[in-house]
Amino acid sequence: MIRFRLAELISDKAFKERRVISLSEMAEATGVHRATLSKIANHHGANIGTEIIDKLCRYFGCQPADLLTYVDE
């Protein structure tokens, strides 16, 4: 199963920038709908395309491997 590390990346970015980062702020900055971000952050097995992965990697300045991890079921 693919696991998204979105919550961890948000937490790390918020800590580094010493501020709160909301999903609404991320949605505006990335062009990814807030509901999609919520689904990625809160639901197991979210199915998203590479375009969204690209936008999130650009926002966090990370590689896909930093955003996604494989967990053996």
PDB file of N, CA and C in Angstrom:
ATOM      1  N   MET A   1       0.851  -1.164   0.000  1.00  0.00           N
ATOM      2  CA  MET A   1       0.000   0.000   0.000  1.00  0.00           C
ATOM      3  C   MET A   1       0.906   1.240   0.000  1.00  0.00           C
ATOM      4  N   ILE A   2       0.512   2.236  -0.752  1.00  0.00           N
ATOM      5  CA  ILE A   2       1.234   3.512  -0.777  1.00  0.00           C
ATOM      6  C   ILE A   2       0.710   4.392   0.354  1.00  0.00           C
ATOM      7  N   ARG A   3       1.613   4.923   1.127  1.00  0.00           N
ATOM      8  CA  ARG A   3       1.255   5.815   2.232  1.00  0.00           C
ATOM      9  C   ARG A   3       1.790   7.202   1.913  1.00  0.00           C
ATOM     10  N   PHE A   4       0.944   8.201   2.047  1.00  0.00           N
ATOM     11  CA  PHE A   4       1.353   9.587   1.842  1.00  0.00           C
ATOM     12  C   PHE A   4       1.841  10.177   3.150  1.00  0.00           C
ATOM     13  N   ARG A   5       2.917  10.900   3.108  1.00  0.00           N
ATOM     14  CA  ARG A   5       3.505  11.522   4.290  1.00  0.00           C
ATOM     15  C   ARG A   5       3.162  13.020   4.334  1.00  0.00           C
ATOM     16  N   LEU A   6       2.001  13.381   3.831  1.00  0.00           N
ATOM     17  CA  LEU A   6       1.617  14.788   3.739  1.00  0.00           C
ATOM     18  C   LEU A   6       1.578  15.463   5.106  1.00  0.00           C
ATOM     19  N   ALA A   7       0.984  14.825   6.081  1.00  0.00           N
ATOM     20  CA  ALA A   7       0.883  15.430   7.417  1.00  0.00           C
ATOM     21  C   ALA A   7       2.266  15.708   7.999  1.00  0.00           C
ATOM     22  N   GLU A   8       3.189  14.771   7.794  1.00  0.00           N
ATOM     23  CA  GLU A   8       4.552  14.962   8.303  1.00  0.00           C
ATOM     24  C   GLU A   8       5.261  16.108   7.603  1.00  0.00           C
ATOM     25  N   LEU A   9       5.086  16.202   6.280  1.00  0.00           N
ATOM     26  CA  LEU A   9       5.720  17.284   5.529  1.00  0.00           C
ATOM     27  C   LEU A   9       5.153  18.647   5.921  1.00  0.00           C
ATOM     28  N   ILE A  10       3.851  18.702   6.148  1.00  0.00           N
ATOM     29  CA  ILE A  10       3.232  19.956   6.603  1.00  0.00           C
ATOM     30  C   ILE A  10       3.809  20.344   7.964  1.00  0.00           C
ATOM     31  N   SER A  11       3.892  19.380   8.861  1.00  0.00           N
ATOM     32  CA  SER A  11       4.422  19.636  10.199  1.00  0.00           C
ATOM     33  C   SER A  11       5.870  20.119  10.140  1.00  0.00           C
ATOM     34  N   ASP A  12       6.691  19.465   9.318  1.00  0.00           N
ATOM     35  CA  ASP A  12       8.096  19.869   9.174  1.00  0.00           C
ATOM     36  C   ASP A  12       8.217  21.287   8.620  1.00  0.00           C
ATOM     37  N   LYS A  13       7.427  21.594   7.594  1.00  0.00           N
ATOM     38  CA  LYS A  13       7.468  22.926   6.975  1.00  0.00           C
ATOM     39  C   LYS A  13       7.001  23.989   7.969  1.00  0.00           C
ATOM     40  N   ALA A  14       5.945  23.692   8.711  1.00  0.00           N
ATOM     41  CA  ALA A  14       5.428  24.631   9.703  1.00  0.00           C
ATOM     42  C   ALA A  14       6.477  24.896  10.791  1.00  0.00           C
ATOM     43  N   PHE A  15       7.171  23.850  11.212  1.00  0.00           N
ATOM     44  CA  PHE A  15       8.204  24.001  12.238  1.00  0.00           C
ATOM     45  C   PHE A  15       9.358  24.864  11.719  1.00  0.00           C
ATOM     46  N   LYS A  16       9.813  24.577  10.509  1.00  0.00           N
ATOM     47  CA  LYS A  16      10.928  25.333   9.926  1.00  0.00           C
ATOM     48  C   LYS A  16      10.582  26.804   9.735  1.00  0.00           C
ATOM     49  N   GLU A  17       9.332  27.064   9.326  1.00  0.00           N
ATOM     50  CA  GLU A  17       8.901  28.437   9.069  1.00  0.00           C
ATOM     51  C   GLU A  17       8.286  29.101  10.294  1.00  0.00           C
ATOM     52  N   ARG A  18       8.172  28.341  11.381  1.00  0.00           N
ATOM     53  CA  ARG A  18       7.624  28.833  12.652  1.00  0.00           C
ATOM     54  C   ARG A  18       6.254  29.493  12.496  1.00  0.00           C
ATOM     55  N   ARG A  19       5.373  28.747  11.825  1.00  0.00           N
ATOM     56  CA  ARG A  19       4.012  29.235  11.619  1.00  0.00           C
ATOM     57  C   ARG A  19       3.089  28.060  11.345  1.00  0.00           C
ATOM     58  N   VAL A  20       1.806  28.307  11.378  1.00  0.00           N
ATOM     59  CA  VAL A  20       0.813  27.287  11.081  1.00  0.00           C
ATOM     60  C   VAL A  20       0.558  27.289   9.573  1.00  0.00           C
ATOM     61  N   ILE A  21       0.509  26.109   8.995  1.00  0.00           N
ATOM     62  CA  ILE A  21       0.195  25.973   7.575  1.00  0.00           C
ATOM     63  C   ILE A  21      -1.116  25.215   7.458  1.00  0.00           C
ATOM     64  N   SER A  22      -2.108  25.852   6.883  1.00  0.00           N
ATOM     65  CA  SER A  22      -3.419  25.225   6.741  1.00  0.00           C
ATOM     66  C   SER A  22      -3.548  24.559   5.371  1.00  0.00           C
ATOM     67  N   LEU A  23      -4.485  23.624   5.275  1.00  0.00           N
ATOM     68  CA  LEU A  23      -4.753  22.991   3.991  1.00  0.00           C
ATOM     69  C   LEU A  23      -5.290  24.008   2.988  1.00  0.00           C
ATOM     70  N   SER A  24      -6.019  25.005   3.479  1.00  0.00           N
ATOM     71  CA  SER A  24      -6.533  26.046   2.582  1.00  0.00           C
ATOM     72  C   SER A  24      -5.392  26.845   1.969  1.00  0.00           C
ATOM     73  N   GLU A  25      -4.391  27.167   2.780  1.00  0.00           N
ATOM     74  CA  GLU A  25      -3.218  27.879   2.283  1.00  0.00           C
ATOM     75  C   GLU A  25      -2.476  27.027   1.250  1.00  0.00           C
ATOM     76  N   MET A  26      -2.313  25.745   1.547  1.00  0.00           N
ATOM     77  CA  MET A  26      -1.655  24.842   0.603  1.00  0.00           C
ATOM     78  C   MET A  26      -2.434  24.727  -0.691  1.00  0.00           C
ATOM     79  N   ALA A  27      -3.749  24.651  -0.585  1.00  0.00           N
ATOM     80  CA  ALA A  27      -4.594  24.542  -1.775  1.00  0.00           C
ATOM     81  C   ALA A  27      -4.406  25.754  -2.678  1.00  0.00           C
ATOM     82  N   GLU A  28      -4.370  26.927  -2.077  1.00  0.00           N
ATOM     83  CA  GLU A  28      -4.185  28.149  -2.860  1.00  0.00           C
ATOM     84  C   GLU A  28      -2.797  28.190  -3.504  1.00  0.00           C
ATOM     85  N   ALA A  29      -1.786  27.775  -2.767  1.00  0.00           N
ATOM     86  CA  ALA A  29      -0.406  27.826  -3.263  1.00  0.00           C
ATOM     87  C   ALA A  29      -0.120  26.768  -4.330  1.00  0.00           C
ATOM     88  N   THR A  30      -0.786  25.613  -4.247  1.00  0.00           N
ATOM     89  CA  THR A  30      -0.488  24.508  -5.161  1.00  0.00           C
ATOM     90  C   THR A  30      -1.480  24.363  -6.303  1.00  0.00           C
ATOM     91  N   GLY A  31      -2.691  24.877  -6.114  1.00  0.00           N
ATOM     92  CA  GLY A  31      -3.731  24.667  -7.118  1.00  0.00           C
ATOM     93  C   GLY A  31      -4.420  23.317  -6.960  1.00  0.00           C
ATOM     94  N   VAL A  32      -4.134  22.630  -5.856  1.00  0.00           N
ATOM     95  CA  VAL A  32      -4.783  21.348  -5.557  1.00  0.00           C
ATOM     96  C   VAL A  32      -5.962  21.644  -4.637  1.00  0.00           C
ATOM     97  N   HIS A  33      -7.121  21.119  -4.970  1.00  0.00           N
ATOM     98  CA  HIS A  33      -8.331  21.391  -4.197  1.00  0.00           C
ATOM     99  C   HIS A  33      -8.137  20.975  -2.736  1.00  0.00           C
ATOM    100  N   ARG A  34      -8.681  21.763  -1.833  1.00  0.00           N
ATOM    101  CA  ARG A  34      -8.550  21.502  -0.402  1.00  0.00           C
ATOM    102  C   ARG A  34      -9.083  20.126  -0.017  1.00  0.00           C
ATOM    103  N   ALA A  35     -10.193  19.716  -0.610  1.00  0.00           N
ATOM    104  CA  ALA A  35     -10.770  18.401  -0.310  1.00  0.00           C
ATOM    105  C   ALA A  35      -9.818  17.278  -0.716  1.00  0.00           C
ATOM    106  N   THR A  36      -9.101  17.470  -1.802  1.00  0.00           N
ATOM    107  CA  THR A  36      -8.123  16.473  -2.251  1.00  0.00           C
ATOM    108  C   THR A  36      -6.977  16.385  -1.252  1.00  0.00           C
ATOM    109  N   LEU A  37      -6.500  17.533  -0.786  1.00  0.00           N
ATOM    110  CA  LEU A  37      -5.428  17.552   0.210  1.00  0.00           C
ATOM    111  C   LEU A  37      -5.879  16.871   1.502  1.00  0.00           C
ATOM    112  N   SER A  38      -7.109  17.126   1.913  1.00  0.00           N
ATOM    113  CA  SER A  38      -7.657  16.504   3.114  1.00  0.00           C
ATOM    114  C   SER A  38      -7.733  14.991   2.942  1.00  0.00           C
ATOM    115  N   LYS A  39      -8.154  14.544   1.769  1.00  0.00           N
ATOM    116  CA  LYS A  39      -8.248  13.119   1.480  1.00  0.00           C
ATOM    117  C   LYS A  39      -6.866  12.465   1.551  1.00  0.00           C
ATOM    118  N   ILE A  40      -5.865  13.128   0.981  1.00  0.00           N
ATOM    119  CA  ILE A  40      -4.504  12.596   1.008  1.00  0.00           C
ATOM    120  C   ILE A  40      -3.993  12.516   2.442  1.00  0.00           C
ATOM    121  N   ALA A  41      -4.246  13.550   3.220  1.00  0.00           N
ATOM    122  CA  ALA A  41      -3.723  13.627   4.586  1.00  0.00           C
ATOM    123  C   ALA A  41      -4.434  12.691   5.562  1.00  0.00           C
ATOM    124  N   ASN A  42      -5.710  12.413   5.325  1.00  0.00           N
ATOM    125  CA  ASN A  42      -6.506  11.732   6.348  1.00  0.00           C
ATOM    126  C   ASN A  42      -7.056  10.356   5.994  1.00  0.00           C
ATOM    127  N   HIS A  43      -6.950   9.932   4.738  1.00  0.00           N
ATOM    128  CA  HIS A  43      -7.560   8.660   4.345  1.00  0.00           C
ATOM    129  C   HIS A  43      -6.522   7.716   3.768  1.00  0.00           C
ATOM    130  N   HIS A  44      -6.543   6.492   4.232  1.00  0.00           N
ATOM    131  CA  HIS A  44      -5.648   5.473   3.696  1.00  0.00           C
ATOM    132  C   HIS A  44      -6.080   5.126   2.272  1.00  0.00           C
ATOM    133  N   GLY A  45      -5.121   4.901   1.411  1.00  0.00           N
ATOM    134  CA  GLY A  45      -5.420   4.453   0.064  1.00  0.00           C
ATOM    135  C   GLY A  45      -5.928   5.541  -0.861  1.00  0.00           C
ATOM    136  N   ALA A  46      -5.606   6.795  -0.587  1.00  0.00           N
ATOM    137  CA  ALA A  46      -6.016   7.877  -1.489  1.00  0.00           C
ATOM    138  C   ALA A  46      -5.380   7.644  -2.850  1.00  0.00           C
ATOM    139  N   ASN A  47      -6.138   7.853  -3.894  1.00  0.00           N
ATOM    140  CA  ASN A  47      -5.666   7.611  -5.251  1.00  0.00           C
ATOM    141  C   ASN A  47      -5.542   8.953  -5.971  1.00  0.00           C
ATOM    142  N   ILE A  48      -4.298   9.400  -6.184  1.00  0.00           N
ATOM    143  CA  ILE A  48      -4.086  10.672  -6.855  1.00  0.00           C
ATOM    144  C   ILE A  48      -3.122  10.491  -8.010  1.00  0.00           C
ATOM    145  N   GLY A  49      -3.169  11.427  -8.947  1.00  0.00           N
ATOM    146  CA  GLY A  49      -2.325  11.345 -10.129  1.00  0.00           C
ATOM    147  C   GLY A  49      -0.969  12.008  -9.952  1.00  0.00           C
ATOM    148  N   THR A  50      -0.125  11.803 -10.943  1.00  0.00           N
ATOM    149  CA  THR A  50       1.227  12.345 -10.897  1.00  0.00           C
ATOM    150  C   THR A  50       1.251  13.865 -10.955  1.00  0.00           C
ATOM    151  N   GLU A  51       0.241  14.485 -11.536  1.00  0.00           N
ATOM    152  CA  GLU A  51       0.183  15.948 -11.590  1.00  0.00           C
ATOM    153  C   GLU A  51       0.106  16.535 -10.180  1.00  0.00           C
ATOM    154  N   ILE A  52      -0.675  15.912  -9.322  1.00  0.00           N
ATOM    155  CA  ILE A  52      -0.804  16.385  -7.938  1.00  0.00           C
ATOM    156  C   ILE A  52       0.491  16.114  -7.173  1.00  0.00           C
ATOM    157  N   ILE A  53       1.089  14.948  -7.393  1.00  0.00           N
ATOM    158  CA  ILE A  53       2.368  14.646  -6.754  1.00  0.00           C
ATOM    159  C   ILE A  53       3.406  15.683  -7.161  1.00  0.00           C
ATOM    160  N   ASP A  54       3.424  16.050  -8.434  1.00  0.00           N
ATOM    161  CA  ASP A  54       4.345  17.073  -8.934  1.00  0.00           C
ATOM    162  C   ASP A  54       4.124  18.409  -8.225  1.00  0.00           C
ATOM    163  N   LYS A  55       2.883  18.818  -8.081  1.00  0.00           N
ATOM    164  CA  LYS A  55       2.571  20.094  -7.418  1.00  0.00           C
ATOM    165  C   LYS A  55       2.990  20.085  -5.953  1.00  0.00           C
ATOM    166  N   LEU A  56       2.750  18.973  -5.272  1.00  0.00           N
ATOM    167  CA  LEU A  56       3.121  18.880  -3.865  1.00  0.00           C
ATOM    168  C   LEU A  56       4.637  18.852  -3.684  1.00  0.00           C
ATOM    169  N   CYS A  57       5.330  18.149  -4.558  1.00  0.00           N
ATOM    170  CA  CYS A  57       6.801  18.124  -4.486  1.00  0.00           C
ATOM    171  C   CYS A  57       7.375  19.520  -4.733  1.00  0.00           C
ATOM    172  N   ARG A  58       6.789  20.242  -5.657  1.00  0.00           N
ATOM    173  CA  ARG A  58       7.232  21.615  -5.921  1.00  0.00           C
ATOM    174  C   ARG A  58       6.993  22.496  -4.690  1.00  0.00           C
ATOM    175  N   TYR A  59       5.845  22.355  -4.048  1.00  0.00           N
ATOM    176  CA  TYR A  59       5.505  23.155  -2.871  1.00  0.00           C
ATOM    177  C   TYR A  59       6.464  22.883  -1.706  1.00  0.00           C
ATOM    178  N   PHE A  60       6.750  21.596  -1.462  1.00  0.00           N
ATOM    179  CA  PHE A  60       7.608  21.234  -0.338  1.00  0.00           C
ATOM    180  C   PHE A  60       9.094  21.237  -0.688  1.00  0.00           C
ATOM    181  N   GLY A  61       9.411  21.341  -1.973  1.00  0.00           N
ATOM    182  CA  GLY A  61      10.806  21.276  -2.390  1.00  0.00           C
ATOM    183  C   GLY A  61      11.395  19.903  -2.098  1.00  0.00           C
ATOM    184  N   CYS A  62      10.632  18.864  -2.429  1.00  0.00           N
ATOM    185  CA  CYS A  62      11.051  17.502  -2.099  1.00  0.00           C
ATOM    186  C   CYS A  62      10.949  16.596  -3.318  1.00  0.00           C
ATOM    187  N   GLN A  63      11.392  15.381  -3.153  1.00  0.00           N
ATOM    188  CA  GLN A  63      11.282  14.339  -4.165  1.00  0.00           C
ATOM    189  C   GLN A  63      10.050  13.485  -3.865  1.00  0.00           C
ATOM    190  N   PRO A  64       9.506  12.781  -4.877  1.00  0.00           N
ATOM    191  CA  PRO A  64       8.346  11.920  -4.624  1.00  0.00           C
ATOM    192  C   PRO A  64       8.572  10.922  -3.487  1.00  0.00           C
ATOM    193  N   ALA A  65       9.796  10.429  -3.348  1.00  0.00           N
ATOM    194  CA  ALA A  65      10.083   9.472  -2.271  1.00  0.00           C
ATOM    195  C   ALA A  65       9.933  10.103  -0.890  1.00  0.00           C
ATOM    196  N   ASP A  66      10.012  11.430  -0.805  1.00  0.00           N
ATOM    197  CA  ASP A  66       9.793  12.113   0.472  1.00  0.00           C
ATOM    198  C   ASP A  66       8.305  12.224   0.787  1.00  0.00           C
ATOM    199  N   LEU A  67       7.477  12.195  -0.244  1.00  0.00           N
ATOM    200  CA  LEU A  67       6.035  12.349  -0.103  1.00  0.00           C
ATOM    201  C   LEU A  67       5.320  11.002   0.020  1.00  0.00           C
ATOM    202  N   LEU A  68       5.860   9.997  -0.647  1.00  0.00           N
ATOM    203  CA  LEU A  68       5.229   8.674  -0.711  1.00  0.00           C
ATOM    204  C   LEU A  68       6.145   7.632  -0.110  1.00  0.00           C
ATOM    205  N   THR A  69       5.569   6.647   0.522  1.00  0.00           N
ATOM    206  CA  THR A  69       6.337   5.514   1.002  1.00  0.00           C
ATOM    207  C   THR A  69       5.489   4.249   0.802  1.00  0.00           C
ATOM    208  N   TYR A  70       6.153   3.146   0.559  1.00  0.00           N
ATOM    209  CA  TYR A  70       5.444   1.886   0.385  1.00  0.00           C
ATOM    210  C   TYR A  70       5.425   1.141   1.710  1.00  0.00           C
ATOM    211  N   VAL A  71       4.235   0.684   2.104  1.00  0.00           N
ATOM    212  CA  VAL A  71       4.075  -0.084   3.334  1.00  0.00           C
ATOM    213  C   VAL A  71       3.506  -1.453   2.947  1.00  0.00           C
ATOM    214  N   ASP A  72       4.248  -2.495   3.268  1.00  0.00           N
ATOM    215  CA  ASP A  72       3.788  -3.839   2.980  1.00  0.00           C
ATOM    216  C   ASP A  72       2.602  -4.163   3.878  1.00  0.00           C
ATOM    217  N   GLU A  73       1.532  -4.655   3.292  1.00  0.00           N
ATOM    218  CA  GLU A  73       0.313  -4.925   4.080  1.00  0.00           C
ATOM    219  C   GLU A  73       0.430  -6.207   4.837  1.00  0.00           C
TER     220      GLU A  73
END
